[in-house]
C-alpha atoms as a PDB file:
ATOM      1  CA  MET A   1     -62.110   5.886 -42.360  1.00  0.00           C
ATOM      2  CA  THR A   2     -59.331   3.038 -40.685  1.00  0.00           C
ATOM      3  CA  LYS A   3     -58.770   3.044 -36.827  1.00  0.00           C
ATOM      4  CA  ILE A   4     -55.280   2.028 -35.621  1.00  0.00           C
ATOM      5  CA  TYR A   5     -55.668   0.447 -32.149  1.00  0.00           C
ATOM      6  CA  VAL A   6     -52.168   2.030 -29.869  1.00  0.00           C
ATOM      7  CA  GLN A   7     -50.841   1.063 -26.563  1.00  0.00           C
ATOM      8  CA  PRO A   8     -50.510   3.840 -24.393  1.00  0.00           C
ATOM      9  CA  THR A   9     -46.812   3.989 -24.220  1.00  0.00           C
ATOM     10  CA  ASN A  10     -44.196   5.643 -26.126  1.00  0.00           C
ATOM     11  CA  LYS A  11     -42.392   2.986 -26.825  1.00  0.00           C
ATOM     12  CA  ASP A  12     -41.945   0.969 -30.410  1.00  0.00           C
ATOM     13  CA  GLN A  13     -44.970  -1.337 -30.609  1.00  0.00           C
ATOM     14  CA  ASP A  14     -46.981  -4.085 -33.266  1.00  0.00           C
ATOM     15  CA  VAL A  15     -50.254  -2.140 -34.263  1.00  0.00           C
ATOM     16  CA  LYS A  16     -53.806  -3.454 -34.973  1.00  0.00           C
ATOM     17  CA  LEU A  17     -56.215  -1.767 -37.772  1.00  0.00           C
ATOM     18  CA  SER A  18     -59.925  -2.061 -37.764  1.00  0.00           C
ATOM     19  CA  ASP A  19     -60.103  -3.687 -41.135  1.00  0.00           C
ATOM     20  CA  GLY A  20     -57.692  -6.913 -39.696  1.00  0.00           C
ATOM     21  CA  HIS A  21     -54.133  -5.855 -40.879  1.00  0.00           C
ATOM     22  CA  GLU A  22     -51.085  -5.341 -39.034  1.00  0.00           C
ATOM     23  CA  GLY A  23     -48.600  -2.687 -38.507  1.00  0.00           C
ATOM     24  CA  TYR A  24     -45.791  -1.250 -36.644  1.00  0.00           C
ATOM     25  CA  LEU A  25     -45.318   2.197 -34.854  1.00  0.00           C
ATOM     26  CA  ARG A  26     -41.454   3.505 -34.417  1.00  0.00           C
ATOM     27  CA  VAL A  27     -41.812   5.809 -31.381  1.00  0.00           C
ATOM     28  CA  GLU A  28     -38.144   8.275 -31.445  1.00  0.00           C
ATOM     29  CA  ARG A  29     -38.169  11.121 -29.281  1.00  0.00           C
ATOM     30  CA  GLU A  30     -37.734  14.606 -30.392  1.00  0.00           C
ATOM     31  CA  PRO A  31     -36.836  18.184 -29.082  1.00  0.00           C
ATOM     32  CA  HIS A  32     -40.189  19.252 -28.268  1.00  0.00           C
ATOM     33  CA  GLY A  33     -41.983  15.634 -28.457  1.00  0.00           C
ATOM     34  CA  TYR A  34     -42.221  12.580 -30.480  1.00  0.00           C
ATOM     35  CA  ARG A  35     -41.703  10.825 -34.060  1.00  0.00           C
ATOM     36  CA  TYR A  36     -44.618   8.517 -34.664  1.00  0.00           C
ATOM     37  CA  ASP A  37     -43.874   6.743 -37.780  1.00  0.00           C
ATOM     38  CA  PHE A  38     -46.827   4.155 -38.744  1.00  0.00           C
ATOM     39  CA  GLU A  39     -45.655   1.166 -40.854  1.00  0.00           C
ATOM     40  CA  PHE A  40     -48.049  -1.532 -42.359  1.00  0.00           C
ATOM     41  CA  SER A  41     -46.957  -5.230 -43.610  1.00  0.00           C
ATOM     42  CA  ALA A  42     -50.293  -4.951 -46.080  1.00  0.00           C
ATOM     43  CA  HIS A  43     -49.970  -2.697 -49.469  1.00  0.00           C
ATOM     44  CA  TYR A  44     -53.129  -1.823 -48.459  1.00  0.00           C
ATOM     45  CA  HIS A  45     -52.414   0.845 -46.147  1.00  0.00           C
ATOM     46  CA  HIS A  46     -49.827   3.587 -47.079  1.00  0.00           C
ATOM     47  CA  GLY A  47     -47.444   4.619 -43.899  1.00  0.00           C
ATOM     48  CA  PHE A  48     -47.097   8.023 -42.547  1.00  0.00           C
ATOM     49  CA  TRP A  49     -45.604  10.017 -39.266  1.00  0.00           C
ATOM     50  CA  TYR A  50     -46.608  12.584 -37.006  1.00  0.00           C
ATOM     51  CA  GLU A  51     -44.865  14.877 -34.996  1.00  0.00           C
ATOM     52  CA  GLY A  52     -46.618  16.064 -31.485  1.00  0.00           C
ATOM     53  CA  PRO A  53     -46.113  15.879 -27.787  1.00  0.00           C
ATOM     54  CA  SER A  54     -48.106  12.520 -27.510  1.00  0.00           C
ATOM     55  CA  LEU A  55     -50.667  10.509 -29.580  1.00  0.00           C
ATOM     56  CA  LYS A  56     -53.951  11.856 -28.356  1.00  0.00           C
ATOM     57  CA  ASN A  57     -57.383   8.767 -28.461  1.00  0.00           C
ATOM     58  CA  GLY A  58     -59.270   9.296 -30.812  1.00  0.00           C
ATOM     59  CA  PHE A  59     -56.895  11.524 -33.284  1.00  0.00           C
ATOM     60  CA  GLU A  60     -57.298  11.746 -36.933  1.00  0.00           C
ATOM     61  CA  ILE A  61     -55.250  12.595 -39.593  1.00  0.00           C
ATOM     62  CA  MET A  62     -55.749  12.598 -43.422  1.00  0.00           C
ATOM     63  CA  VAL A  63     -53.125  10.934 -45.570  1.00  0.00           C
ATOM     64  CA  HIS A  64     -52.737  12.160 -49.360  1.00  0.00           C
ATOM     65  CA  THR A  65     -50.850   9.301 -51.378  1.00  0.00           C
ATOM     66  CA  ILE A  66     -50.914   9.018 -54.976  1.00  0.00           C
ATOM     67  CA  ASP A  67     -53.533   6.212 -54.560  1.00  0.00           C
ATOM     68  CA  GLY A  68     -55.933   9.166 -53.018  1.00  0.00           C
ATOM     69  CA  PRO A  69     -56.706  10.334 -49.607  1.00  0.00           C
ATOM     70  CA  GLU A  70     -56.686   8.086 -46.794  1.00  0.00           C
ATOM     71  CA  LYS A  71     -58.096   8.821 -43.465  1.00  0.00           C
ATOM     72  CA  TYR A  72     -56.911   6.654 -40.302  1.00  0.00           C
ATOM     73  CA  GLN A  73     -58.343   7.383 -36.434  1.00  0.00           C
ATOM     74  CA  ILE A  74     -56.334   6.587 -33.332  1.00  0.00           C
ATOM     75  CA  LEU A  75     -57.490   4.679 -30.834  1.00  0.00           C
ATOM     76  CA  VAL A  76     -55.003   4.615 -27.312  1.00  0.00           C
ATOM     77  CA  GLY A  77     -55.934   2.100 -24.704  1.00  0.00           C
END
C-alpha cells in the first residue's frame, strides 16, 4: 500500500508518496463537497479522483487499473 501525504486544506497542493515519488492534488468545489483529483509525476502510479465532503485521515482507496489494483492510504496532517 502506498501512502499519500496531504496538507489539511482543501486547496491545490503538491503531495508526497511513501515510496519517495511526488504528485499533485487538484481540489474542486462540488455542490455536495469536493472533488479530489490525484495526479502523479512518475508513471509508477496511476492517477485517480475521489468525491466527498473532505479527505479523512487514514482513508484507504483501491484503484483498479490496467496494470492491476493499487491500494492507497491518505494521511492528512
